[in-house]
Structures are given as C-alpha cells and as structure tokens.
N, C-alpha and C. Protein backbone atom coordinates (compact mmCIF):
# COMPACT_ATOMS: atom_id res chain seq x y z
N MET A 1 132.93 445.31 73.58
CA MET A 1 133.49 444.28 74.45
C MET A 1 134.08 443.12 73.64
N TYR A 2 133.36 442.74 72.59
CA TYR A 2 133.82 441.63 71.76
C TYR A 2 135.15 441.99 71.10
N GLY A 3 135.29 443.27 70.72
CA GLY A 3 136.55 443.70 70.12
C GLY A 3 137.71 443.55 71.08
N HIS A 4 137.50 443.86 72.35
CA HIS A 4 138.56 443.69 73.35
C HIS A 4 138.92 442.21 73.53
N ILE A 5 137.89 441.37 73.53
CA ILE A 5 138.14 439.93 73.69
C ILE A 5 138.96 439.40 72.52
N ARG A 6 138.56 439.80 71.30
CA ARG A 6 139.32 439.35 70.12
C ARG A 6 140.72 439.94 70.12
N GLY A 7 140.83 441.20 70.55
CA GLY A 7 142.14 441.84 70.60
C GLY A 7 143.07 441.14 71.56
N ALA A 8 142.55 440.74 72.72
CA ALA A 8 143.38 440.02 73.70
C ALA A 8 143.83 438.68 73.15
N SER A 9 142.99 438.06 72.33
CA SER A 9 143.35 436.76 71.77
C SER A 9 144.49 436.85 70.75
N ARG A 10 144.78 438.06 70.26
CA ARG A 10 145.84 438.26 69.28
C ARG A 10 147.23 438.24 69.92
N ILE A 11 147.30 438.56 71.20
CA ILE A 11 148.60 438.78 71.84
C ILE A 11 149.50 437.56 71.72
N LYS A 12 148.97 436.40 72.05
CA LYS A 12 149.78 435.18 72.07
C LYS A 12 150.45 434.93 70.72
N ALA A 13 149.67 434.99 69.65
CA ALA A 13 150.21 434.71 68.32
C ALA A 13 151.25 435.75 67.90
N ILE A 14 151.00 437.01 68.23
CA ILE A 14 151.94 438.06 67.83
C ILE A 14 153.24 437.96 68.62
N VAL A 15 153.15 437.65 69.89
CA VAL A 15 154.36 437.48 70.70
C VAL A 15 155.17 436.30 70.17
N ARG A 16 154.50 435.22 69.85
CA ARG A 16 155.20 434.05 69.30
C ARG A 16 155.91 434.39 68.00
N GLU A 17 155.21 435.10 67.11
CA GLU A 17 155.79 435.43 65.82
C GLU A 17 156.94 436.42 65.97
N ALA A 18 156.80 437.39 66.85
CA ALA A 18 157.89 438.34 67.09
C ALA A 18 159.13 437.60 67.57
N ASP A 19 158.93 436.65 68.45
CA ASP A 19 160.05 435.86 68.96
C ASP A 19 160.68 435.05 67.84
N ARG A 20 159.85 434.45 67.02
CA ARG A 20 160.36 433.65 65.90
C ARG A 20 161.16 434.50 64.91
N LEU A 21 160.73 435.74 64.72
CA LEU A 21 161.40 436.64 63.78
C LEU A 21 162.70 437.22 64.34
N GLY A 22 162.96 436.96 65.60
CA GLY A 22 164.19 437.47 66.21
C GLY A 22 164.06 438.87 66.77
N VAL A 23 162.83 439.35 66.96
CA VAL A 23 162.62 440.66 67.57
C VAL A 23 163.14 440.62 69.01
N GLN A 24 163.90 441.62 69.40
CA GLN A 24 164.48 441.63 70.74
C GLN A 24 163.57 442.26 71.78
N ALA A 25 162.76 443.23 71.36
CA ALA A 25 161.86 443.90 72.30
C ALA A 25 160.55 444.22 71.60
N LEU A 26 159.46 443.91 72.28
CA LEU A 26 158.13 444.16 71.74
C LEU A 26 157.30 444.87 72.81
N THR A 27 156.79 446.05 72.49
CA THR A 27 155.97 446.80 73.43
C THR A 27 154.56 446.92 72.87
N LEU A 28 153.59 446.50 73.64
CA LEU A 28 152.19 446.55 73.22
C LEU A 28 151.46 447.62 74.02
N TYR A 29 150.82 448.53 73.31
CA TYR A 29 150.10 449.63 73.95
C TYR A 29 148.73 449.10 74.37
N ALA A 30 148.66 448.65 75.62
CA ALA A 30 147.45 447.98 76.09
C ALA A 30 146.39 448.93 76.62
N PHE A 31 146.84 450.03 77.25
CA PHE A 31 145.89 450.92 77.91
C PHE A 31 146.56 452.27 78.12
N SER A 32 145.94 453.33 77.59
CA SER A 32 146.54 454.65 77.70
C SER A 32 146.01 455.41 78.90
N THR A 33 146.67 456.49 79.27
CA THR A 33 146.18 457.33 80.37
C THR A 33 144.81 457.90 80.03
N GLU A 34 144.56 458.15 78.75
CA GLU A 34 143.27 458.69 78.33
C GLU A 34 142.15 457.64 78.42
N ASN A 35 142.52 456.37 78.40
CA ASN A 35 141.51 455.32 78.44
C ASN A 35 140.78 455.22 79.78
N TRP A 36 141.29 455.91 80.79
CA TRP A 36 140.60 455.88 82.09
C TRP A 36 139.21 456.51 82.00
N SER A 37 138.96 457.26 80.95
CA SER A 37 137.65 457.90 80.79
C SER A 37 136.60 456.93 80.23
N ARG A 38 137.01 455.71 79.89
CA ARG A 38 136.07 454.72 79.38
C ARG A 38 135.08 454.29 80.47
N PRO A 39 133.91 453.77 80.09
CA PRO A 39 132.93 453.30 81.08
C PRO A 39 133.51 452.21 81.98
N ASP A 40 133.05 452.17 83.22
CA ASP A 40 133.56 451.20 84.19
C ASP A 40 133.35 449.76 83.73
N THR A 41 132.23 449.49 83.06
CA THR A 41 131.97 448.13 82.59
C THR A 41 133.03 447.70 81.57
N GLU A 42 133.41 448.61 80.70
CA GLU A 42 134.43 448.30 79.70
C GLU A 42 135.79 448.09 80.37
N LEU A 43 136.10 448.95 81.34
CA LEU A 43 137.37 448.80 82.05
C LEU A 43 137.43 447.47 82.78
N GLY A 44 136.30 447.06 83.36
CA GLY A 44 136.27 445.79 84.06
C GLY A 44 136.61 444.62 83.15
N VAL A 45 136.09 444.66 81.93
CA VAL A 45 136.39 443.61 80.95
C VAL A 45 137.88 443.61 80.62
N LEU A 46 138.45 444.78 80.42
CA LEU A 46 139.87 444.88 80.08
C LEU A 46 140.75 444.28 81.16
N TRP A 47 140.45 444.59 82.42
CA TRP A 47 141.29 444.06 83.51
C TRP A 47 141.12 442.55 83.65
N LYS A 48 139.91 442.04 83.44
CA LYS A 48 139.71 440.60 83.49
C LYS A 48 140.51 439.90 82.39
N LEU A 49 140.53 440.51 81.20
CA LEU A 49 141.28 439.94 80.09
C LEU A 49 142.78 439.93 80.38
N LEU A 50 143.27 441.00 80.99
CA LEU A 50 144.69 441.06 81.34
C LEU A 50 145.04 439.98 82.35
N ARG A 51 144.23 439.83 83.38
CA ARG A 51 144.50 438.81 84.40
C ARG A 51 144.47 437.41 83.79
N LYS A 52 143.48 437.16 82.93
CA LYS A 52 143.39 435.84 82.30
C LYS A 52 144.63 435.56 81.46
N TYR A 53 145.09 436.58 80.72
CA TYR A 53 146.28 436.39 79.90
C TYR A 53 147.48 436.02 80.77
N LEU A 54 147.66 436.75 81.85
CA LEU A 54 148.81 436.50 82.73
C LEU A 54 148.74 435.11 83.34
N ILE A 55 147.55 434.70 83.75
CA ILE A 55 147.38 433.39 84.37
C ILE A 55 147.65 432.27 83.37
N ARG A 56 147.15 432.45 82.15
CA ARG A 56 147.24 431.39 81.15
C ARG A 56 148.60 431.31 80.47
N GLU A 57 149.25 432.46 80.28
CA GLU A 57 150.41 432.49 79.39
C GLU A 57 151.76 432.63 80.08
N THR A 58 151.80 432.91 81.37
CA THR A 58 153.09 433.16 82.03
C THR A 58 154.03 431.97 81.89
N GLU A 59 153.52 430.76 82.08
CA GLU A 59 154.40 429.59 82.01
C GLU A 59 154.92 429.36 80.59
N GLU A 60 154.08 429.59 79.59
CA GLU A 60 154.58 429.45 78.21
C GLU A 60 155.62 430.52 77.91
N LEU A 61 155.37 431.74 78.37
CA LEU A 61 156.36 432.80 78.18
C LEU A 61 157.67 432.41 78.84
N ASN A 62 157.58 431.75 79.97
CA ASN A 62 158.79 431.32 80.66
C ASN A 62 159.53 430.26 79.84
N ARG A 63 158.78 429.33 79.26
CA ARG A 63 159.40 428.30 78.43
C ARG A 63 160.07 428.90 77.20
N LYS A 64 159.52 430.02 76.71
CA LYS A 64 160.08 430.69 75.54
C LYS A 64 161.18 431.69 75.92
N ASN A 65 161.53 431.74 77.22
CA ASN A 65 162.59 432.62 77.70
C ASN A 65 162.25 434.10 77.54
N VAL A 66 160.95 434.42 77.58
CA VAL A 66 160.48 435.80 77.44
C VAL A 66 160.51 436.49 78.80
N ARG A 67 160.97 437.71 78.81
CA ARG A 67 160.98 438.52 80.03
C ARG A 67 159.90 439.59 79.94
N LEU A 68 159.10 439.73 80.97
CA LEU A 68 157.96 440.64 80.96
C LEU A 68 158.24 441.91 81.76
N GLY A 69 157.74 443.03 81.24
CA GLY A 69 157.84 444.29 81.95
C GLY A 69 156.59 445.11 81.71
N VAL A 70 156.42 446.17 82.45
CA VAL A 70 155.27 447.06 82.29
C VAL A 70 155.72 448.49 82.45
N ILE A 71 155.18 449.39 81.63
CA ILE A 71 155.48 450.81 81.74
C ILE A 71 154.16 451.57 81.88
N GLY A 72 154.18 452.62 82.67
CA GLY A 72 152.98 453.40 82.88
C GLY A 72 152.74 453.65 84.35
N GLU A 73 151.62 454.29 84.63
CA GLU A 73 151.24 454.61 86.01
C GLU A 73 150.59 453.39 86.65
N VAL A 74 151.41 452.42 86.96
CA VAL A 74 150.92 451.15 87.51
C VAL A 74 150.22 451.38 88.85
N GLU A 75 150.62 452.42 89.55
CA GLU A 75 150.01 452.68 90.86
C GLU A 75 148.52 452.99 90.76
N ARG A 76 148.05 453.33 89.57
CA ARG A 76 146.62 453.62 89.39
C ARG A 76 145.79 452.35 89.22
N LEU A 77 146.44 451.23 89.02
CA LEU A 77 145.72 449.98 88.83
C LEU A 77 145.21 449.43 90.16
N ALA A 78 144.18 448.62 90.09
CA ALA A 78 143.64 447.99 91.29
C ALA A 78 144.69 447.04 91.88
N PRO A 79 144.67 446.84 93.20
CA PRO A 79 145.66 445.99 93.86
C PRO A 79 145.77 444.59 93.26
N ASP A 80 144.63 443.97 92.91
CA ASP A 80 144.70 442.60 92.37
C ASP A 80 145.38 442.57 91.01
N ILE A 81 145.21 443.62 90.21
CA ILE A 81 145.88 443.67 88.91
C ILE A 81 147.38 443.88 89.10
N ARG A 82 147.74 444.76 90.02
CA ARG A 82 149.17 444.98 90.31
C ARG A 82 149.81 443.70 90.83
N GLU A 83 149.07 442.97 91.63
CA GLU A 83 149.60 441.72 92.18
C GLU A 83 149.82 440.69 91.07
N SER A 84 148.87 440.58 90.17
CA SER A 84 149.01 439.63 89.06
C SER A 84 150.19 439.99 88.17
N LEU A 85 150.32 441.27 87.86
CA LEU A 85 151.46 441.71 87.06
C LEU A 85 152.77 441.44 87.79
N GLY A 86 152.80 441.76 89.07
CA GLY A 86 154.01 441.56 89.85
C GLY A 86 154.45 440.11 89.87
N ARG A 87 153.50 439.20 90.03
CA ARG A 87 153.85 437.77 90.05
C ARG A 87 154.45 437.32 88.73
N SER A 88 153.83 437.73 87.63
CA SER A 88 154.34 437.32 86.32
C SER A 88 155.69 437.95 86.03
N ILE A 89 155.85 439.21 86.37
CA ILE A 89 157.13 439.89 86.14
C ILE A 89 158.24 439.20 86.93
N GLU A 90 157.94 438.85 88.18
CA GLU A 90 158.93 438.16 89.00
C GLU A 90 159.25 436.78 88.45
N ARG A 91 158.22 436.06 88.02
CA ARG A 91 158.42 434.70 87.49
C ARG A 91 159.31 434.72 86.25
N LEU A 92 159.18 435.76 85.43
CA LEU A 92 159.92 435.83 84.16
C LEU A 92 161.16 436.70 84.26
N GLY A 93 161.45 437.18 85.45
CA GLY A 93 162.51 438.17 85.61
C GLY A 93 163.91 437.70 85.25
N GLY A 94 164.16 436.40 85.31
CA GLY A 94 165.50 435.90 85.01
C GLY A 94 165.71 435.52 83.56
N ASN A 95 164.69 435.67 82.72
CA ASN A 95 164.80 435.26 81.32
C ASN A 95 165.61 436.26 80.51
N THR A 96 166.20 435.77 79.43
CA THR A 96 167.13 436.58 78.64
C THR A 96 166.72 436.73 77.18
N GLY A 97 165.50 436.28 76.83
CA GLY A 97 165.06 436.36 75.45
C GLY A 97 164.28 437.63 75.16
N LEU A 98 163.23 437.51 74.38
CA LEU A 98 162.41 438.64 73.99
C LEU A 98 161.96 439.45 75.20
N ARG A 99 162.09 440.77 75.13
CA ARG A 99 161.61 441.65 76.18
C ARG A 99 160.20 442.12 75.81
N LEU A 100 159.22 441.52 76.44
CA LEU A 100 157.82 441.87 76.20
C LEU A 100 157.39 442.90 77.23
N THR A 101 156.90 444.04 76.76
CA THR A 101 156.48 445.12 77.65
C THR A 101 155.05 445.50 77.35
N PHE A 102 154.25 445.58 78.41
CA PHE A 102 152.89 446.09 78.28
C PHE A 102 152.89 447.55 78.73
N ALA A 103 152.40 448.44 77.87
CA ALA A 103 152.20 449.84 78.24
C ALA A 103 150.79 449.95 78.80
N ILE A 104 150.68 450.11 80.11
CA ILE A 104 149.39 450.11 80.79
C ILE A 104 149.26 451.39 81.59
N SER A 105 148.16 452.10 81.42
CA SER A 105 147.98 453.42 82.03
C SER A 105 149.17 454.28 81.63
N TYR A 106 149.49 454.20 80.33
CA TYR A 106 150.68 454.85 79.81
C TYR A 106 150.32 456.03 78.92
N GLY A 107 151.10 457.08 79.05
CA GLY A 107 151.04 458.23 78.15
C GLY A 107 152.42 458.82 78.08
N SER A 108 152.92 459.06 76.89
CA SER A 108 154.30 459.50 76.74
C SER A 108 154.52 460.91 77.32
N ARG A 109 153.55 461.79 77.18
CA ARG A 109 153.70 463.11 77.77
C ARG A 109 153.82 463.00 79.29
N ARG A 110 153.00 462.13 79.87
CA ARG A 110 153.08 461.92 81.32
C ARG A 110 154.44 461.35 81.69
N GLU A 111 154.95 460.45 80.88
CA GLU A 111 156.26 459.86 81.14
C GLU A 111 157.36 460.93 81.14
N LEU A 112 157.32 461.83 80.16
CA LEU A 112 158.33 462.88 80.06
C LEU A 112 158.20 463.87 81.22
N LEU A 113 156.97 464.21 81.57
CA LEU A 113 156.75 465.11 82.69
C LEU A 113 157.28 464.49 83.99
N ARG A 114 156.97 463.23 84.19
CA ARG A 114 157.43 462.52 85.38
C ARG A 114 158.95 462.48 85.44
N ALA A 115 159.58 462.22 84.29
CA ALA A 115 161.04 462.15 84.24
C ALA A 115 161.68 463.48 84.64
N THR A 116 161.14 464.58 84.14
CA THR A 116 161.70 465.89 84.48
C THR A 116 161.45 466.23 85.95
N GLN A 117 160.31 465.81 86.49
CA GLN A 117 160.03 466.03 87.90
C GLN A 117 161.02 465.27 88.78
N LEU A 118 161.28 464.02 88.42
CA LEU A 118 162.23 463.21 89.19
C LEU A 118 163.63 463.79 89.12
N PHE A 119 164.01 464.27 87.94
CA PHE A 119 165.33 464.89 87.80
C PHE A 119 165.41 466.16 88.67
N ALA A 120 164.34 466.96 88.65
CA ALA A 120 164.31 468.18 89.45
C ALA A 120 164.42 467.86 90.94
N GLU A 121 163.74 466.81 91.39
CA GLU A 121 163.81 466.40 92.78
C GLU A 121 165.24 466.00 93.16
N ASP A 122 165.92 465.30 92.26
CA ASP A 122 167.30 464.91 92.53
C ASP A 122 168.21 466.14 92.60
N CYS A 123 167.89 467.15 91.79
CA CYS A 123 168.66 468.39 91.84
C CYS A 123 168.47 469.09 93.20
N VAL A 124 167.23 469.13 93.66
CA VAL A 124 166.93 469.77 94.95
C VAL A 124 167.65 469.04 96.08
N GLN A 125 167.76 467.72 95.97
CA GLN A 125 168.41 466.92 97.01
C GLN A 125 169.92 466.88 96.86
N GLY A 126 170.43 467.56 95.84
CA GLY A 126 171.88 467.61 95.65
C GLY A 126 172.47 466.41 94.94
N LYS A 127 171.62 465.53 94.44
CA LYS A 127 172.13 464.35 93.73
C LYS A 127 172.52 464.66 92.30
N ARG A 128 171.90 465.69 91.74
CA ARG A 128 172.17 466.11 90.37
C ARG A 128 172.29 467.62 90.32
N SER A 129 172.84 468.08 89.20
CA SER A 129 172.89 469.51 88.91
C SER A 129 172.19 469.73 87.57
N PRO A 130 171.47 470.86 87.40
CA PRO A 130 170.82 471.11 86.11
C PRO A 130 171.77 471.01 84.94
N ALA A 131 173.03 471.35 85.17
CA ALA A 131 174.02 471.28 84.09
C ALA A 131 174.32 469.85 83.66
N ASP A 132 173.93 468.88 84.50
CA ASP A 132 174.19 467.48 84.17
C ASP A 132 173.26 466.96 83.07
N LEU A 133 172.11 467.61 82.89
CA LEU A 133 171.07 467.04 82.06
C LEU A 133 171.49 466.92 80.60
N ASN A 134 171.37 465.72 80.08
CA ASN A 134 171.56 465.46 78.65
C ASN A 134 170.60 464.33 78.27
N GLU A 135 170.63 463.91 77.02
CA GLU A 135 169.67 462.90 76.56
C GLU A 135 169.83 461.59 77.31
N LYS A 136 171.05 461.18 77.55
CA LYS A 136 171.27 459.89 78.23
C LYS A 136 170.74 459.92 79.65
N ILE A 137 170.99 461.02 80.36
CA ILE A 137 170.53 461.10 81.74
C ILE A 137 169.01 461.17 81.79
N LEU A 138 168.39 461.94 80.92
CA LEU A 138 166.93 462.01 80.91
C LEU A 138 166.34 460.64 80.63
N ALA A 139 166.94 459.90 79.71
CA ALA A 139 166.44 458.57 79.37
C ALA A 139 166.46 457.64 80.58
N ASP A 140 167.40 457.88 81.49
CA ASP A 140 167.48 457.06 82.70
C ASP A 140 166.30 457.26 83.63
N TYR A 141 165.55 458.35 83.46
CA TYR A 141 164.40 458.64 84.30
C TYR A 141 163.08 458.20 83.66
N LEU A 142 163.14 457.71 82.43
CA LEU A 142 161.92 457.28 81.74
C LEU A 142 161.51 455.89 82.20
N TRP A 143 160.25 455.56 82.02
CA TRP A 143 159.77 454.23 82.39
C TRP A 143 160.51 453.14 81.62
N THR A 144 160.99 453.45 80.43
CA THR A 144 161.64 452.44 79.60
C THR A 144 163.11 452.24 79.95
N ALA A 145 163.62 452.93 80.96
CA ALA A 145 165.04 452.82 81.32
C ALA A 145 165.51 451.38 81.53
N PRO A 146 164.70 450.49 82.15
CA PRO A 146 165.17 449.11 82.34
C PRO A 146 165.48 448.37 81.04
N LEU A 147 164.97 448.86 79.93
CA LEU A 147 165.24 448.20 78.64
C LEU A 147 166.62 448.52 78.10
N GLY A 148 167.29 449.50 78.68
CA GLY A 148 168.63 449.84 78.23
C GLY A 148 168.66 450.26 76.78
N ALA A 149 169.58 449.67 76.02
CA ALA A 149 169.73 450.02 74.61
C ALA A 149 168.49 449.66 73.79
N LEU A 150 167.66 448.75 74.29
CA LEU A 150 166.47 448.35 73.57
C LEU A 150 165.32 449.34 73.73
N ALA A 151 165.52 450.39 74.53
CA ALA A 151 164.45 451.37 74.74
C ALA A 151 164.18 452.19 73.48
N ASP A 152 165.19 452.41 72.67
CA ASP A 152 164.99 453.16 71.42
C ASP A 152 164.25 452.28 70.41
N VAL A 153 163.17 452.83 69.89
CA VAL A 153 162.27 452.05 69.04
C VAL A 153 162.74 452.08 67.59
N ASP A 154 162.73 450.92 66.94
CA ASP A 154 163.07 450.83 65.51
C ASP A 154 161.82 450.92 64.64
N LEU A 155 160.76 450.26 65.05
CA LEU A 155 159.56 450.17 64.22
C LEU A 155 158.31 450.35 65.07
N VAL A 156 157.44 451.24 64.65
CA VAL A 156 156.12 451.42 65.27
C VAL A 156 155.07 450.95 64.28
N ILE A 157 154.23 450.02 64.71
CA ILE A 157 153.13 449.54 63.89
C ILE A 157 151.85 450.11 64.48
N ARG A 158 151.21 451.00 63.75
CA ARG A 158 150.00 451.68 64.24
C ARG A 158 148.82 451.10 63.48
N THR A 159 148.10 450.17 64.12
CA THR A 159 146.96 449.53 63.45
C THR A 159 145.76 450.47 63.39
N SER A 160 144.75 450.05 62.69
CA SER A 160 143.43 450.69 62.53
C SER A 160 143.40 451.69 61.39
N GLY A 161 144.52 451.92 60.72
CA GLY A 161 144.54 452.85 59.60
C GLY A 161 144.67 454.30 60.01
N GLU A 162 144.65 454.59 61.32
CA GLU A 162 144.82 455.96 61.79
C GLU A 162 146.26 456.40 61.57
N LYS A 163 146.44 457.65 61.18
CA LYS A 163 147.79 458.18 60.93
C LYS A 163 148.20 459.09 62.08
N ARG A 164 148.25 458.52 63.25
CA ARG A 164 148.70 459.26 64.44
C ARG A 164 149.36 458.28 65.39
N ILE A 165 150.15 458.82 66.33
CA ILE A 165 150.88 457.94 67.24
C ILE A 165 150.28 457.92 68.63
N SER A 166 149.28 458.74 68.89
CA SER A 166 148.46 458.64 70.10
C SER A 166 149.28 458.62 71.38
N ASN A 167 150.24 459.54 71.50
CA ASN A 167 150.95 459.73 72.77
C ASN A 167 151.74 458.48 73.17
N PHE A 168 152.33 457.82 72.19
CA PHE A 168 153.04 456.55 72.44
C PHE A 168 154.54 456.70 72.19
N LEU A 169 155.33 456.54 73.24
CA LEU A 169 156.79 456.49 73.14
C LEU A 169 157.36 457.62 72.28
N LEU A 170 156.96 458.85 72.58
CA LEU A 170 157.37 459.99 71.77
C LEU A 170 158.88 460.17 71.76
N TRP A 171 159.51 460.02 72.91
CA TRP A 171 160.96 460.16 73.01
C TRP A 171 161.67 458.98 72.36
N GLN A 172 161.22 457.79 72.68
CA GLN A 172 161.90 456.57 72.24
C GLN A 172 161.76 456.33 70.74
N ALA A 173 160.71 456.87 70.14
CA ALA A 173 160.45 456.64 68.71
C ALA A 173 160.92 457.78 67.83
N ALA A 174 161.86 458.57 68.34
CA ALA A 174 162.32 459.76 67.60
C ALA A 174 162.81 459.41 66.20
N TYR A 175 163.45 458.26 66.04
CA TYR A 175 163.97 457.87 64.73
C TYR A 175 163.37 456.55 64.26
N ALA A 176 162.20 456.23 64.77
CA ALA A 176 161.54 454.98 64.38
C ALA A 176 160.96 455.07 62.98
N GLU A 177 160.83 453.94 62.35
CA GLU A 177 160.07 453.83 61.12
C GLU A 177 158.63 453.49 61.50
N PHE A 178 157.68 453.98 60.71
CA PHE A 178 156.26 453.77 61.00
C PHE A 178 155.58 452.99 59.89
N VAL A 179 154.71 452.08 60.30
CA VAL A 179 153.87 451.33 59.37
C VAL A 179 152.44 451.48 59.85
N PHE A 180 151.52 451.79 58.92
CA PHE A 180 150.13 452.03 59.28
C PHE A 180 149.21 451.05 58.55
N PRO A 181 149.14 449.81 59.01
CA PRO A 181 148.24 448.85 58.35
C PRO A 181 146.78 449.27 58.52
N ASP A 182 146.01 449.09 57.47
CA ASP A 182 144.63 449.54 57.45
C ASP A 182 143.69 448.48 58.02
N ILE A 183 144.07 447.91 59.14
CA ILE A 183 143.23 446.94 59.84
C ILE A 183 143.32 447.23 61.33
N CYS A 184 142.32 446.81 62.07
CA CYS A 184 142.33 447.01 63.52
C CYS A 184 143.10 445.88 64.20
N TRP A 185 143.50 446.14 65.43
CA TRP A 185 144.33 445.18 66.15
C TRP A 185 143.72 443.77 66.22
N PRO A 186 142.41 443.60 66.44
CA PRO A 186 141.87 442.24 66.50
C PRO A 186 142.08 441.44 65.23
N ASP A 187 142.35 442.12 64.11
CA ASP A 187 142.58 441.43 62.83
C ASP A 187 144.07 441.38 62.46
N PHE A 188 144.91 441.89 63.34
CA PHE A 188 146.34 441.91 63.06
C PHE A 188 146.91 440.51 63.30
N SER A 189 147.45 439.91 62.26
CA SER A 189 147.88 438.52 62.30
C SER A 189 149.40 438.41 62.24
N PRO A 190 149.95 437.23 62.53
CA PRO A 190 151.39 437.03 62.36
C PRO A 190 151.87 437.36 60.95
N ALA A 191 151.04 437.07 59.95
CA ALA A 191 151.42 437.39 58.57
C ALA A 191 151.54 438.90 58.39
N LYS A 192 150.65 439.66 59.03
CA LYS A 192 150.74 441.12 58.94
C LYS A 192 152.00 441.63 59.65
N LEU A 193 152.37 440.99 60.74
CA LEU A 193 153.62 441.36 61.41
C LEU A 193 154.81 441.08 60.50
N GLN A 194 154.79 439.95 59.82
CA GLN A 194 155.85 439.64 58.87
C GLN A 194 155.93 440.71 57.79
N ASP A 195 154.78 441.14 57.28
CA ASP A 195 154.75 442.18 56.24
C ASP A 195 155.38 443.47 56.75
N ALA A 196 155.04 443.85 57.99
CA ALA A 196 155.57 445.08 58.56
C ALA A 196 157.07 445.01 58.75
N VAL A 197 157.55 443.88 59.23
CA VAL A 197 158.99 443.71 59.44
C VAL A 197 159.71 443.68 58.10
N ARG A 198 159.10 443.07 57.10
CA ARG A 198 159.69 443.03 55.76
C ARG A 198 159.79 444.45 55.17
N GLU A 199 158.72 445.22 55.35
CA GLU A 199 158.74 446.60 54.87
C GLU A 199 159.80 447.42 55.60
N PHE A 200 159.90 447.21 56.89
CA PHE A 200 160.93 447.90 57.67
C PHE A 200 162.32 447.56 57.15
N GLY A 201 162.55 446.28 56.87
CA GLY A 201 163.87 445.85 56.41
C GLY A 201 164.25 446.42 55.05
N ALA A 202 163.25 446.81 54.26
CA ALA A 202 163.52 447.36 52.93
C ALA A 202 163.78 448.86 52.96
N ARG A 203 163.55 449.49 54.08
CA ARG A 203 163.74 450.94 54.16
C ARG A 203 165.19 451.30 54.47
N GLU A 204 165.56 452.49 54.06
CA GLU A 204 166.90 452.99 54.32
C GLU A 204 166.84 453.97 55.47
N ARG A 205 167.50 453.64 56.56
CA ARG A 205 167.46 454.48 57.76
C ARG A 205 168.72 455.34 57.80
N ARG A 206 168.53 456.67 57.74
CA ARG A 206 169.67 457.58 57.67
C ARG A 206 169.91 458.36 58.96
N PHE A 207 168.94 458.34 59.87
CA PHE A 207 169.08 459.03 61.16
C PHE A 207 169.54 460.48 60.99
N GLY A 208 168.96 461.16 60.00
CA GLY A 208 169.29 462.56 59.78
C GLY A 208 170.46 462.79 58.85
N GLY A 209 171.15 461.72 58.44
CA GLY A 209 172.29 461.85 57.55
C GLY A 209 171.87 461.75 56.09
N LEU A 210 172.85 461.73 55.22
CA LEU A 210 172.58 461.63 53.79
C LEU A 210 172.49 460.17 53.36
N ASN A 211 171.90 459.98 52.22
CA ASN A 211 171.90 458.66 51.60
C ASN A 211 173.35 458.23 51.37
N PRO A 212 173.73 457.03 51.82
CA PRO A 212 175.12 456.58 51.62
C PRO A 212 175.60 456.67 50.19
N LYS A 213 174.69 456.47 49.21
CA LYS A 213 175.09 456.56 47.80
C LYS A 213 175.45 457.97 47.43
N ILE A 214 174.70 458.96 48.01
CA ILE A 214 175.01 460.36 47.75
C ILE A 214 176.36 460.72 48.33
N GLU A 215 176.60 460.25 49.59
CA GLU A 215 177.88 460.54 50.23
C GLU A 215 179.04 459.95 49.45
N LYS A 216 178.83 458.74 48.93
CA LYS A 216 179.86 458.08 48.14
C LYS A 216 180.13 458.87 46.85
N GLY A 217 179.06 459.36 46.25
CA GLY A 217 179.21 460.16 45.03
C GLY A 217 179.98 461.43 45.28
N LYS A 218 179.71 462.09 46.42
CA LYS A 218 180.44 463.30 46.76
C LYS A 218 181.92 463.00 46.94
N ALA A 219 182.20 461.87 47.60
CA ALA A 219 183.59 461.50 47.84
C ALA A 219 184.30 461.24 46.52
N GLY A 220 183.55 460.69 45.55
CA GLY A 220 184.15 460.40 44.24
C GLY A 220 184.51 461.65 43.49
N ARG A 221 183.73 462.74 43.74
CA ARG A 221 184.04 464.00 43.07
C ARG A 221 185.21 464.70 43.75
C-alpha cells in the first residue's frame, strides 16, 4: 500500500518535468486489465489515490494547459471513479498543451481485439468493407485514436528493471525506443526522466532503414 501511495506522489513531479522538457504526450500505465486480480483492499487504495489526484491536481493541470485523457475499459470502473475522471477530462478538454493520458484497466491485446471487433461490426452494418482495412483505419479504432499523430510512441520508459513491456501499447510502440531504468516507479524522479530523454536523443532512429552514413557511403560509390 505504501508503494502505491509513494507512486501516486510521483505523478505531479513527472508531469511537470515532461511539460518543461517539451514532451507533447505522456501516457502513464496506471492500472492494467490483469491488475483486476489484485485484492479488493489494494484496489480500494488505488481508486482513492486516483480520485485524490484528480481533485487536487485538475486546476493546476488546467493552469499548465494540460489536456487529460484515459484509455482502457473505463466501463469496468466504479461509477464514482468514472464520474471523477469525466469531470477532470471535461474541465481540461479545451487545453492545447501536453496530452496527459492515464491507461486504466488497459491491456494492449484487449485494445487490438476490441478494435477488430468494432471494425467487423462496421463491416456487417455496411459502413466498411474488409478490403478497406489498413494500418491507418485500424488505428482509428484504437483507444489512442483521439491522440492523432501523437498516438505513435517515441519512447517507452519501463521502470523496475524488468525487461518486458507488459501488454502496453503494443501497436503504438512498434518503433519506439526503450529505456529500462533499474528503479521502481516510486523512486523515478524528474532527473531520471531527464536521463531517459537524453538517452533517447542520443540514439539513431532508422525505422527499419539503413544508417544514413551507410546510405551516403553507398551513394558515394
């Protein structure tokens, strides 16, 4: 429980630092579909922490021009939690700065399955044809569709030292860079975020292509 409390206290500082660094979109994996198997007492603490964050921070987020969103099976949340999220999302809906997204009751496999089901339903209703399906159209059915061009992930920071992505944004992170800091989220500081962004900036992203220096060398020959 103490770890959850400390973890929740990290959000404010990380959001502030991301905004200061010029990050356009920040998605925090708050609660996975698999986390529903946790004890009820633990879940109760998590929901209380989420409500407290929304109550305390919505106005500051508004002053910082942050826009809030949520991805996941929100319908599984208790009515009071959905109401709190809805109020904050509406309050921040007109902002044009950092896009802060909470992944709550989220699982990427579930997201992809849901997207294909919705596309199939549209086909049955005559709104789509199977031949229409391509990457852009499928992306329009994902929970991250409202993010538009910002839905594609540049950098994934996986705390705790684990070398896995835990069912997080599998489609959106297809060409993301990964950083695996050997600390848990409650100890993740703004300085650690700076380190991750600095490491990201030093990497060469080829998106399946060749190193530009190699291509230049070939052209020279």
